[in-house]
PDB file of all heavy atoms in Angstrom:
ATOM      1  N   GLY A   1      67.790  75.327 132.866  1.00  0.00           N
ATOM      2  CA  GLY A   1      68.184  76.154 131.731  1.00  0.00           C
ATOM      3  C   GLY A   1      69.304  75.504 130.957  1.00  0.00           C
ATOM      4  O   GLY A   1      69.678  74.348 131.197  1.00  0.00           O
ATOM      5  N   PHE A   2      69.830  76.289 130.006  1.00  0.00           N
ATOM      6  CA  PHE A   2      70.907  75.826 129.132  1.00  0.00           C
ATOM      7  C   PHE A   2      72.046  76.843 129.205  1.00  0.00           C
ATOM      8  O   PHE A   2      71.816  78.030 129.467  1.00  0.00           O
ATOM      9  CB  PHE A   2      70.424  75.716 127.683  1.00  0.00           C
ATOM     10  CG  PHE A   2      69.264  74.772 127.491  1.00  0.00           C
ATOM     11  CD1 PHE A   2      67.954  75.204 127.691  1.00  0.00           C
ATOM     12  CD2 PHE A   2      69.480  73.457 127.119  1.00  0.00           C
ATOM     13  CE1 PHE A   2      66.883  74.347 127.522  1.00  0.00           C
ATOM     14  CE2 PHE A   2      68.409  72.582 126.944  1.00  0.00           C
ATOM     15  CZ  PHE A   2      67.108  73.026 127.143  1.00  0.00           C
ATOM     16  N   ALA A   3      73.268  76.385 128.920  1.00  0.00           N
ATOM     17  CA  ALA A   3      74.411  77.301 128.908  1.00  0.00           C
ATOM     18  C   ALA A   3      75.322  76.932 127.748  1.00  0.00           C
ATOM     19  O   ALA A   3      75.614  75.754 127.525  1.00  0.00           O
ATOM     20  CB  ALA A   3      75.181  77.232 130.220  1.00  0.00           C
ATOM     21  N   ILE A   4      75.771  77.946 126.997  1.00  0.00           N
ATOM     22  CA  ILE A   4      76.694  77.747 125.890  1.00  0.00           C
ATOM     23  C   ILE A   4      77.628  78.951 125.819  1.00  0.00           C
ATOM     24  O   ILE A   4      77.426  79.961 126.508  1.00  0.00           O
ATOM     25  CB  ILE A   4      75.958  77.586 124.537  1.00  0.00           C
ATOM     26  CG1 ILE A   4      75.119  78.825 124.209  1.00  0.00           C
ATOM     27  CG2 ILE A   4      75.087  76.347 124.531  1.00  0.00           C
ATOM     28  CD1 ILE A   4      74.504  78.789 122.816  1.00  0.00           C
ATOM     29  N   ASP A   5      78.650  78.838 124.997  1.00  0.00           N
ATOM     30  CA  ASP A   5      79.557  79.956 124.768  1.00  0.00           C
ATOM     31  C   ASP A   5      78.769  81.166 124.274  1.00  0.00           C
ATOM     32  O   ASP A   5      77.898  81.055 123.416  1.00  0.00           O
ATOM     33  CB  ASP A   5      80.606  79.544 123.717  1.00  0.00           C
ATOM     34  CG  ASP A   5      81.735  80.531 123.588  1.00  0.00           C
ATOM     35  OD1 ASP A   5      81.463  81.693 123.170  1.00  0.00           O
ATOM     36  OD2 ASP A   5      82.891  80.168 123.878  1.00  0.00           O
ATOM     37  N   ARG A   6      79.091  82.315 124.823  1.00  0.00           N
ATOM     38  CA  ARG A   6      78.366  83.547 124.494  1.00  0.00           C
ATOM     39  C   ARG A   6      78.311  83.797 122.981  1.00  0.00           C
ATOM     40  O   ARG A   6      77.320  84.310 122.451  1.00  0.00           O
ATOM     41  CB  ARG A   6      79.051  84.725 125.196  1.00  0.00           C
ATOM     42  CG  ARG A   6      78.383  86.067 125.002  1.00  0.00           C
ATOM     43  CD  ARG A   6      79.167  87.177 125.694  1.00  0.00           C
ATOM     44  NE  ARG A   6      79.211  86.989 127.148  1.00  0.00           N
ATOM     45  CZ  ARG A   6      78.273  87.436 127.966  1.00  0.00           C
ATOM     46  NH1 ARG A   6      77.221  88.076 127.494  1.00  0.00           N
ATOM     47  NH2 ARG A   6      78.379  87.243 129.269  1.00  0.00           N
ATOM     48  N   ARG A   7      79.349  83.421 122.260  1.00  0.00           N
ATOM     49  CA  ARG A   7      79.414  83.686 120.811  1.00  0.00           C
ATOM     50  C   ARG A   7      78.340  82.953 120.026  1.00  0.00           C
ATOM     51  O   ARG A   7      77.996  83.358 118.913  1.00  0.00           O
ATOM     52  CB  ARG A   7      80.784  83.272 120.265  1.00  0.00           C
ATOM     53  CG  ARG A   7      81.972  84.045 120.815  1.00  0.00           C
ATOM     54  CD  ARG A   7      83.260  83.386 120.371  1.00  0.00           C
ATOM     55  NE  ARG A   7      83.381  82.029 120.894  1.00  0.00           N
ATOM     56  CZ  ARG A   7      84.307  81.158 120.500  1.00  0.00           C
ATOM     57  NH1 ARG A   7      85.180  81.502 119.545  1.00  0.00           N
ATOM     58  NH2 ARG A   7      84.353  79.949 121.028  1.00  0.00           N
ATOM     59  N   PHE A   8      77.827  81.871 120.589  1.00  0.00           N
ATOM     60  CA  PHE A   8      76.895  81.034 119.846  1.00  0.00           C
ATOM     61  C   PHE A   8      75.443  81.216 120.257  1.00  0.00           C
ATOM     62  O   PHE A   8      74.568  80.509 119.762  1.00  0.00           O
ATOM     63  CB  PHE A   8      77.294  79.565 120.004  1.00  0.00           C
ATOM     64  CG  PHE A   8      78.705  79.274 119.578  1.00  0.00           C
ATOM     65  CD1 PHE A   8      79.576  78.610 120.437  1.00  0.00           C
ATOM     66  CD2 PHE A   8      79.172  79.685 118.351  1.00  0.00           C
ATOM     67  CE1 PHE A   8      80.883  78.350 120.052  1.00  0.00           C
ATOM     68  CE2 PHE A   8      80.475  79.432 117.952  1.00  0.00           C
ATOM     69  CZ  PHE A   8      81.328  78.762 118.804  1.00  0.00           C
ATOM     70  N   ILE A   9      75.177  82.147 121.157  1.00  0.00           N
ATOM     71  CA  ILE A   9      73.793  82.375 121.584  1.00  0.00           C
ATOM     72  C   ILE A   9      73.035  83.118 120.478  1.00  0.00           C
ATOM     73  O   ILE A   9      73.415  84.207 120.077  1.00  0.00           O
ATOM     74  CB  ILE A   9      73.744  83.164 122.905  1.00  0.00           C
ATOM     75  CG1 ILE A   9      74.338  82.325 124.041  1.00  0.00           C
ATOM     76  CG2 ILE A   9      72.303  83.554 123.237  1.00  0.00           C
ATOM     77  CD1 ILE A   9      74.365  83.036 125.379  1.00  0.00           C
ATOM     78  N   ARG A  10      71.975  82.496 119.983  1.00  0.00           N
ATOM     79  CA  ARG A  10      71.114  83.110 118.960  1.00  0.00           C
ATOM     80  C   ARG A  10      69.745  83.481 119.518  1.00  0.00           C
ATOM     81  O   ARG A  10      69.108  84.421 119.049  1.00  0.00           O
ATOM     82  CB  ARG A  10      70.939  82.142 117.781  1.00  0.00           C
ATOM     83  CG  ARG A  10      72.252  81.754 117.092  1.00  0.00           C
ATOM     84  CD  ARG A  10      72.856  82.933 116.338  1.00  0.00           C
ATOM     85  NE  ARG A  10      74.105  82.557 115.696  1.00  0.00           N
ATOM     86  CZ  ARG A  10      75.309  82.723 116.225  1.00  0.00           C
ATOM     87  NH1 ARG A  10      75.414  83.264 117.440  1.00  0.00           N
ATOM     88  NH2 ARG A  10      76.408  82.361 115.600  1.00  0.00           N
ATOM     89  N   GLU A  11      69.302  82.721 120.488  1.00  0.00           N
ATOM     90  CA  GLU A  11      68.015  82.966 121.140  1.00  0.00           C
ATOM     91  C   GLU A  11      68.237  82.974 122.646  1.00  0.00           C
ATOM     92  O   GLU A  11      69.125  82.283 123.162  1.00  0.00           O
ATOM     93  CB  GLU A  11      66.990  81.896 120.764  1.00  0.00           C
ATOM     94  CG  GLU A  11      66.719  81.759 119.275  1.00  0.00           C
ATOM     95  CD  GLU A  11      65.940  82.916 118.696  1.00  0.00           C
ATOM     96  OE1 GLU A  11      65.304  83.642 119.499  1.00  0.00           O
ATOM     97  OE2 GLU A  11      65.958  83.089 117.471  1.00  0.00           O
ATOM     98  N   GLN A  12      67.413  83.722 123.354  1.00  0.00           N
ATOM     99  CA  GLN A  12      67.552  83.840 124.803  1.00  0.00           C
ATOM    100  C   GLN A  12      66.878  82.701 125.556  1.00  0.00           C
ATOM    101  O   GLN A  12      67.122  82.519 126.754  1.00  0.00           O
ATOM    102  CB  GLN A  12      66.981  85.179 125.273  1.00  0.00           C
ATOM    103  CG  GLN A  12      67.697  86.387 124.688  1.00  0.00           C
ATOM    104  CD  GLN A  12      69.185  86.384 125.006  1.00  0.00           C
ATOM    105  OE1 GLN A  12      69.571  86.250 126.172  1.00  0.00           O
ATOM    106  NE2 GLN A  12      70.019  86.536 123.982  1.00  0.00           N
ATOM    107  N   THR A  13      66.040  81.937 124.873  1.00  0.00           N
ATOM    108  CA  THR A  13      65.357  80.813 125.516  1.00  0.00           C
ATOM    109  C   THR A  13      65.363  79.608 124.587  1.00  0.00           C
ATOM    110  O   THR A  13      65.477  79.730 123.362  1.00  0.00           O
ATOM    111  CB  THR A  13      63.899  81.156 125.889  1.00  0.00           C
ATOM    112  OG1 THR A  13      63.158  81.448 124.695  1.00  0.00           O
ATOM    113  CG2 THR A  13      63.829  82.339 126.840  1.00  0.00           C
ATOM    114  N   LEU A  14      65.223  78.427 125.179  1.00  0.00           N
ATOM    115  CA  LEU A  14      65.080  77.167 124.453  1.00  0.00           C
ATOM    116  C   LEU A  14      64.115  76.304 125.256  1.00  0.00           C
ATOM    117  O   LEU A  14      64.300  76.126 126.463  1.00  0.00           O
ATOM    118  CB  LEU A  14      66.439  76.473 124.311  1.00  0.00           C
ATOM    119  CG  LEU A  14      66.448  75.111 123.615  1.00  0.00           C
ATOM    120  CD1 LEU A  14      65.993  75.235 122.168  1.00  0.00           C
ATOM    121  CD2 LEU A  14      67.847  74.484 123.682  1.00  0.00           C
ATOM    122  N   ARG A  15      63.069  75.831 124.603  1.00  0.00           N
ATOM    123  CA  ARG A  15      62.031  75.050 125.282  1.00  0.00           C
ATOM    124  C   ARG A  15      61.469  75.806 126.485  1.00  0.00           C
ATOM    125  O   ARG A  15      61.131  75.227 127.524  1.00  0.00           O
ATOM    126  CB  ARG A  15      62.561  73.679 125.692  1.00  0.00           C
ATOM    127  CG  ARG A  15      62.923  72.774 124.512  1.00  0.00           C
ATOM    128  CD  ARG A  15      63.465  71.429 124.981  1.00  0.00           C
ATOM    129  NE  ARG A  15      62.513  70.693 125.793  1.00  0.00           N
ATOM    130  CZ  ARG A  15      61.582  69.852 125.317  1.00  0.00           C
ATOM    131  NH1 ARG A  15      61.500  69.663 124.002  1.00  0.00           N
ATOM    132  NH2 ARG A  15      60.772  69.211 126.119  1.00  0.00           N
ATOM    133  N   GLY A  16      61.410  77.136 126.358  1.00  0.00           N
ATOM    134  CA  GLY A  16      60.856  77.973 127.414  1.00  0.00           C
ATOM    135  C   GLY A  16      61.784  78.215 128.586  1.00  0.00           C
ATOM    136  O   GLY A  16      61.360  78.808 129.592  1.00  0.00           O
ATOM    137  N   LEU A  17      63.045  77.806 128.473  1.00  0.00           N
ATOM    138  CA  LEU A  17      64.013  77.953 129.561  1.00  0.00           C
ATOM    139  C   LEU A  17      65.138  78.890 129.128  1.00  0.00           C
ATOM    140  O   LEU A  17      65.442  79.001 127.933  1.00  0.00           O
ATOM    141  CB  LEU A  17      64.593  76.587 129.938  1.00  0.00           C
ATOM    142  CG  LEU A  17      63.578  75.569 130.455  1.00  0.00           C
ATOM    143  CD1 LEU A  17      64.206  74.188 130.539  1.00  0.00           C
ATOM    144  CD2 LEU A  17      63.033  76.006 131.813  1.00  0.00           C
ATOM    145  N   PRO A  18      65.803  79.560 130.072  1.00  0.00           N
ATOM    146  CA  PRO A  18      66.833  80.527 129.697  1.00  0.00           C
ATOM    147  C   PRO A  18      68.079  79.856 129.121  1.00  0.00           C
ATOM    148  O   PRO A  18      68.476  78.766 129.534  1.00  0.00           O
ATOM    149  CB  PRO A  18      67.160  81.218 131.026  1.00  0.00           C
ATOM    150  CG  PRO A  18      66.766  80.236 132.074  1.00  0.00           C
ATOM    151  CD  PRO A  18      65.577  79.505 131.525  1.00  0.00           C
ATOM    152  N   VAL A  19      68.687  80.547 128.147  1.00  0.00           N
ATOM    153  CA  VAL A  19      69.994  80.166 127.602  1.00  0.00           C
ATOM    154  C   VAL A  19      70.987  81.220 128.076  1.00  0.00           C
ATOM    155  O   VAL A  19      70.855  82.396 127.738  1.00  0.00           O
ATOM    156  CB  VAL A  19      69.976  80.095 126.069  1.00  0.00           C
ATOM    157  CG1 VAL A  19      71.364  79.728 125.530  1.00  0.00           C
ATOM    158  CG2 VAL A  19      68.934  79.090 125.588  1.00  0.00           C
ATOM    159  N   VAL A  20      71.973  80.804 128.875  1.00  0.00           N
ATOM    160  CA  VAL A  20      72.888  81.769 129.485  1.00  0.00           C
ATOM    161  C   VAL A  20      74.305  81.536 128.983  1.00  0.00           C
ATOM    162  O   VAL A  20      74.662  80.424 128.576  1.00  0.00           O
ATOM    163  CB  VAL A  20      72.847  81.689 131.029  1.00  0.00           C
ATOM    164  CG1 VAL A  20      71.427  81.839 131.538  1.00  0.00           C
ATOM    165  CG2 VAL A  20      73.451  80.387 131.515  1.00  0.00           C
ATOM    166  N   PRO A  21      75.137  82.585 128.982  1.00  0.00           N
ATOM    167  CA  PRO A  21      76.539  82.408 128.581  1.00  0.00           C
ATOM    168  C   PRO A  21      77.303  81.583 129.619  1.00  0.00           C
ATOM    169  O   PRO A  21      77.051  81.682 130.823  1.00  0.00           O
ATOM    170  CB  PRO A  21      77.078  83.837 128.513  1.00  0.00           C
ATOM    171  CG  PRO A  21      75.892  84.741 128.596  1.00  0.00           C
ATOM    172  CD  PRO A  21      74.816  83.983 129.295  1.00  0.00           C
ATOM    173  N   LEU A  22      78.248  80.797 129.147  1.00  0.00           N
ATOM    174  CA  LEU A  22      79.036  79.982 130.064  1.00  0.00           C
ATOM    175  C   LEU A  22      79.798  80.820 131.080  1.00  0.00           C
ATOM    176  O   LEU A  22      80.039  80.369 132.204  1.00  0.00           O
ATOM    177  CB  LEU A  22      80.019  79.112 129.267  1.00  0.00           C
ATOM    178  CG  LEU A  22      79.445  77.821 128.678  1.00  0.00           C
ATOM    179  CD1 LEU A  22      80.460  77.174 127.754  1.00  0.00           C
ATOM    180  CD2 LEU A  22      79.031  76.861 129.789  1.00  0.00           C
ATOM    181  N   ASP A  23      80.174  82.051 130.693  1.00  0.00           N
ATOM    182  CA  ASP A  23      80.924  82.876 131.649  1.00  0.00           C
ATOM    183  C   ASP A  23      80.044  83.404 132.782  1.00  0.00           C
ATOM    184  O   ASP A  23      80.541  83.990 133.739  1.00  0.00           O
ATOM    185  CB  ASP A  23      81.653  84.020 130.941  1.00  0.00           C
ATOM    186  CG  ASP A  23      80.749  84.891 130.094  1.00  0.00           C
ATOM    187  OD1 ASP A  23      79.591  85.126 130.485  1.00  0.00           O
ATOM    188  OD2 ASP A  23      81.201  85.344 129.028  1.00  0.00           O
ATOM    189  N   GLU A  24      78.724  83.186 132.690  1.00  0.00           N
ATOM    190  CA  GLU A  24      77.818  83.551 133.779  1.00  0.00           C
ATOM    191  C   GLU A  24      77.245  82.314 134.489  1.00  0.00           C
ATOM    192  O   GLU A  24      76.322  82.433 135.297  1.00  0.00           O
ATOM    193  CB  GLU A  24      76.658  84.396 133.240  1.00  0.00           C
ATOM    194  CG  GLU A  24      77.091  85.727 132.635  1.00  0.00           C
ATOM    195  CD  GLU A  24      75.910  86.529 132.095  1.00  0.00           C
ATOM    196  OE1 GLU A  24      74.747  86.113 132.338  1.00  0.00           O
ATOM    197  OE2 GLU A  24      76.152  87.547 131.424  1.00  0.00           O
ATOM    198  N   LEU A  25      77.796  81.145 134.199  1.00  0.00           N
ATOM    199  CA  LEU A  25      77.198  79.902 134.673  1.00  0.00           C
ATOM    200  C   LEU A  25      77.083  79.850 136.197  1.00  0.00           C
ATOM    201  O   LEU A  25      76.008  79.580 136.744  1.00  0.00           O
ATOM    202  CB  LEU A  25      78.020  78.709 134.164  1.00  0.00           C
ATOM    203  CG  LEU A  25      77.472  77.321 134.510  1.00  0.00           C
ATOM    204  CD1 LEU A  25      76.100  77.115 133.892  1.00  0.00           C
ATOM    205  CD2 LEU A  25      78.446  76.242 134.021  1.00  0.00           C
ATOM    206  N   GLU A  26      78.195  80.106 136.907  1.00  0.00           N
ATOM    207  CA  GLU A  26      78.159  79.995 138.363  1.00  0.00           C
ATOM    208  C   GLU A  26      77.238  81.028 139.000  1.00  0.00           C
ATOM    209  O   GLU A  26      76.579  80.755 140.006  1.00  0.00           O
ATOM    210  CB  GLU A  26      79.560  80.133 138.960  1.00  0.00           C
ATOM    211  CG  GLU A  26      80.456  78.941 138.683  1.00  0.00           C
ATOM    212  CD  GLU A  26      81.387  79.188 137.521  1.00  0.00           C
ATOM    213  OE1 GLU A  26      80.969  79.872 136.554  1.00  0.00           O
ATOM    214  OE2 GLU A  26      82.525  78.702 137.572  1.00  0.00           O
ATOM    215  N   ALA A  27      77.176  82.226 138.396  1.00  0.00           N
ATOM    216  CA  ALA A  27      76.312  83.263 138.959  1.00  0.00           C
ATOM    217  C   ALA A  27      74.832  82.914 138.792  1.00  0.00           C
ATOM    218  O   ALA A  27      74.023  83.147 139.702  1.00  0.00           O
ATOM    219  CB  ALA A  27      76.616  84.602 138.289  1.00  0.00           C
ATOM    220  N   ARG A  28      74.476  82.331 137.639  1.00  0.00           N
ATOM    221  CA  ARG A  28      73.076  82.016 137.373  1.00  0.00           C
ATOM    222  C   ARG A  28      72.664  80.664 137.965  1.00  0.00           C
ATOM    223  O   ARG A  28      71.534  80.502 138.422  1.00  0.00           O
ATOM    224  CB  ARG A  28      72.832  82.015 135.861  1.00  0.00           C
ATOM    225  CG  ARG A  28      73.097  83.361 135.176  1.00  0.00           C
ATOM    226  CD  ARG A  28      72.018  84.377 135.512  1.00  0.00           C
ATOM    227  NE  ARG A  28      70.723  83.983 134.992  1.00  0.00           N
ATOM    228  CZ  ARG A  28      70.307  84.251 133.743  1.00  0.00           C
ATOM    229  NH1 ARG A  28      71.101  84.917 132.914  1.00  0.00           N
ATOM    230  NH2 ARG A  28      69.115  83.871 133.351  1.00  0.00           N
ATOM    231  N   PHE A  29      73.590  79.693 137.919  1.00  0.00           N
ATOM    232  CA  PHE A  29      73.294  78.346 138.391  1.00  0.00           C
ATOM    233  C   PHE A  29      74.457  77.848 139.251  1.00  0.00           C
ATOM    234  O   PHE A  29      75.297  77.074 138.802  1.00  0.00           O
ATOM    235  CB  PHE A  29      73.071  77.395 137.211  1.00  0.00           C
ATOM    236  CG  PHE A  29      72.001  77.830 136.254  1.00  0.00           C
ATOM    237  CD1 PHE A  29      72.321  78.241 134.971  1.00  0.00           C
ATOM    238  CD2 PHE A  29      70.666  77.839 136.642  1.00  0.00           C
ATOM    239  CE1 PHE A  29      71.339  78.636 134.081  1.00  0.00           C
ATOM    240  CE2 PHE A  29      69.677  78.230 135.756  1.00  0.00           C
ATOM    241  CZ  PHE A  29      70.006  78.643 134.476  1.00  0.00           C
ATOM    242  N   PRO A  30      74.551  78.305 140.490  1.00  0.00           N
ATOM    243  CA  PRO A  30      75.696  77.946 141.332  1.00  0.00           C
ATOM    244  C   PRO A  30      75.763  76.438 141.572  1.00  0.00           C
ATOM    245  O   PRO A  30      74.730  75.770 141.721  1.00  0.00           O
ATOM    246  CB  PRO A  30      75.424  78.708 142.637  1.00  0.00           C
ATOM    247  CG  PRO A  30      73.978  79.035 142.610  1.00  0.00           C
ATOM    248  CD  PRO A  30      73.583  79.179 141.186  1.00  0.00           C
ATOM    249  N   PRO A  31      76.988  75.875 141.586  1.00  0.00           N
ATOM    250  CA  PRO A  31      77.127  74.416 141.741  1.00  0.00           C
ATOM    251  C   PRO A  31      76.625  73.887 143.069  1.00  0.00           C
ATOM    252  O   PRO A  31      76.346  72.690 143.190  1.00  0.00           O
ATOM    253  CB  PRO A  31      78.639  74.188 141.570  1.00  0.00           C
ATOM    254  CG  PRO A  31      79.276  75.516 141.802  1.00  0.00           C
ATOM    255  CD  PRO A  31      78.289  76.539 141.381  1.00  0.00           C
ATOM    256  N   GLU A  32      76.491  74.743 144.073  1.00  0.00           N
ATOM    257  CA  GLU A  32      75.953  74.286 145.352  1.00  0.00           C
ATOM    258  C   GLU A  32      74.479  73.909 145.239  1.00  0.00           C
ATOM    259  O   GLU A  32      73.973  73.098 146.024  1.00  0.00           O
ATOM    260  CB  GLU A  32      76.107  75.380 146.419  1.00  0.00           C
ATOM    261  CG  GLU A  32      77.540  75.755 146.728  1.00  0.00           C
ATOM    262  CD  GLU A  32      78.135  76.719 145.700  1.00  0.00           C
ATOM    263  OE1 GLU A  32      77.343  77.281 144.891  1.00  0.00           O
ATOM    264  OE2 GLU A  32      79.361  76.884 145.690  1.00  0.00           O
ATOM    265  N   ALA A  33      73.797  74.495 144.253  1.00  0.00           N
ATOM    266  CA  ALA A  33      72.351  74.292 144.141  1.00  0.00           C
ATOM    267  C   ALA A  33      71.924  73.612 142.844  1.00  0.00           C
ATOM    268  O   ALA A  33      70.767  73.223 142.702  1.00  0.00           O
ATOM    269  CB  ALA A  33      71.628  75.640 144.256  1.00  0.00           C
ATOM    270  N   THR A  34      72.843  73.480 141.901  1.00  0.00           N
ATOM    271  CA  THR A  34      72.487  72.993 140.572  1.00  0.00           C
ATOM    272  C   THR A  34      73.558  72.040 140.067  1.00  0.00           C
ATOM    273  O   THR A  34      74.754  72.340 140.147  1.00  0.00           O
ATOM    274  CB  THR A  34      72.352  74.165 139.576  1.00  0.00           C
ATOM    275  OG1 THR A  34      71.530  75.193 140.140  1.00  0.00           O
ATOM    276  CG2 THR A  34      71.749  73.699 138.261  1.00  0.00           C
ATOM    277  N   ASP A  35      73.146  70.902 139.536  1.00  0.00           N
ATOM    278  CA  ASP A  35      74.062  70.013 138.839  1.00  0.00           C
ATOM    279  C   ASP A  35      74.164  70.460 137.380  1.00  0.00           C
ATOM    280  O   ASP A  35      73.395  71.304 136.916  1.00  0.00           O
ATOM    281  CB  ASP A  35      73.563  68.580 138.913  1.00  0.00           C
ATOM    282  CG  ASP A  35      73.585  68.031 140.335  1.00  0.00           C
ATOM    283  OD1 ASP A  35      74.182  68.685 141.217  1.00  0.00           O
ATOM    284  OD2 ASP A  35      72.992  66.961 140.558  1.00  0.00           O
ATOM    285  N   ALA A  36      75.116  69.883 136.651  1.00  0.00           N
ATOM    286  CA  ALA A  36      75.305  70.245 135.244  1.00  0.00           C
ATOM    287  C   ALA A  36      75.459  68.976 134.417  1.00  0.00           C
ATOM    288  O   ALA A  36      75.896  67.930 134.921  1.00  0.00           O
ATOM    289  CB  ALA A  36      76.533  71.137 135.080  1.00  0.00           C
ATOM    290  N   PHE A  37      75.090  69.086 133.134  1.00  0.00           N
ATOM    291  CA  PHE A  37      75.130  67.916 132.252  1.00  0.00           C
ATOM    292  C   PHE A  37      75.574  68.333 130.865  1.00  0.00           C
ATOM    293  O   PHE A  37      74.991  69.247 130.269  1.00  0.00           O
ATOM    294  CB  PHE A  37      73.746  67.260 132.187  1.00  0.00           C
ATOM    295  CG  PHE A  37      73.756  65.920 131.509  1.00  0.00           C
ATOM    296  CD1 PHE A  37      74.083  64.779 132.229  1.00  0.00           C
ATOM    297  CD2 PHE A  37      73.451  65.801 130.171  1.00  0.00           C
ATOM    298  CE1 PHE A  37      74.103  63.544 131.604  1.00  0.00           C
ATOM    299  CE2 PHE A  37      73.469  64.574 129.547  1.00  0.00           C
ATOM    300  CZ  PHE A  37      73.793  63.434 130.263  1.00  0.00           C
ATOM    301  N   VAL A  38      76.597  67.662 130.337  1.00  0.00           N
ATOM    302  CA  VAL A  38      77.099  67.956 128.997  1.00  0.00           C
ATOM    303  C   VAL A  38      76.196  67.287 127.970  1.00  0.00           C
ATOM    304  O   VAL A  38      76.014  66.062 127.986  1.00  0.00           O
ATOM    305  CB  VAL A  38      78.545  67.462 128.829  1.00  0.00           C
ATOM    306  CG1 VAL A  38      79.035  67.722 127.403  1.00  0.00           C
ATOM    307  CG2 VAL A  38      79.464  68.141 129.839  1.00  0.00           C
TER     308      VAL A  38
END
């Protein structure tokens, strides 16, 4: 999925994958199970 600042979310999905707020990042994609890329 993708993650951005909540203020800039316009669509809930991108390329068929979820777009989540950064303040929910660890809950949705915990670092123990998911890497991240800027």
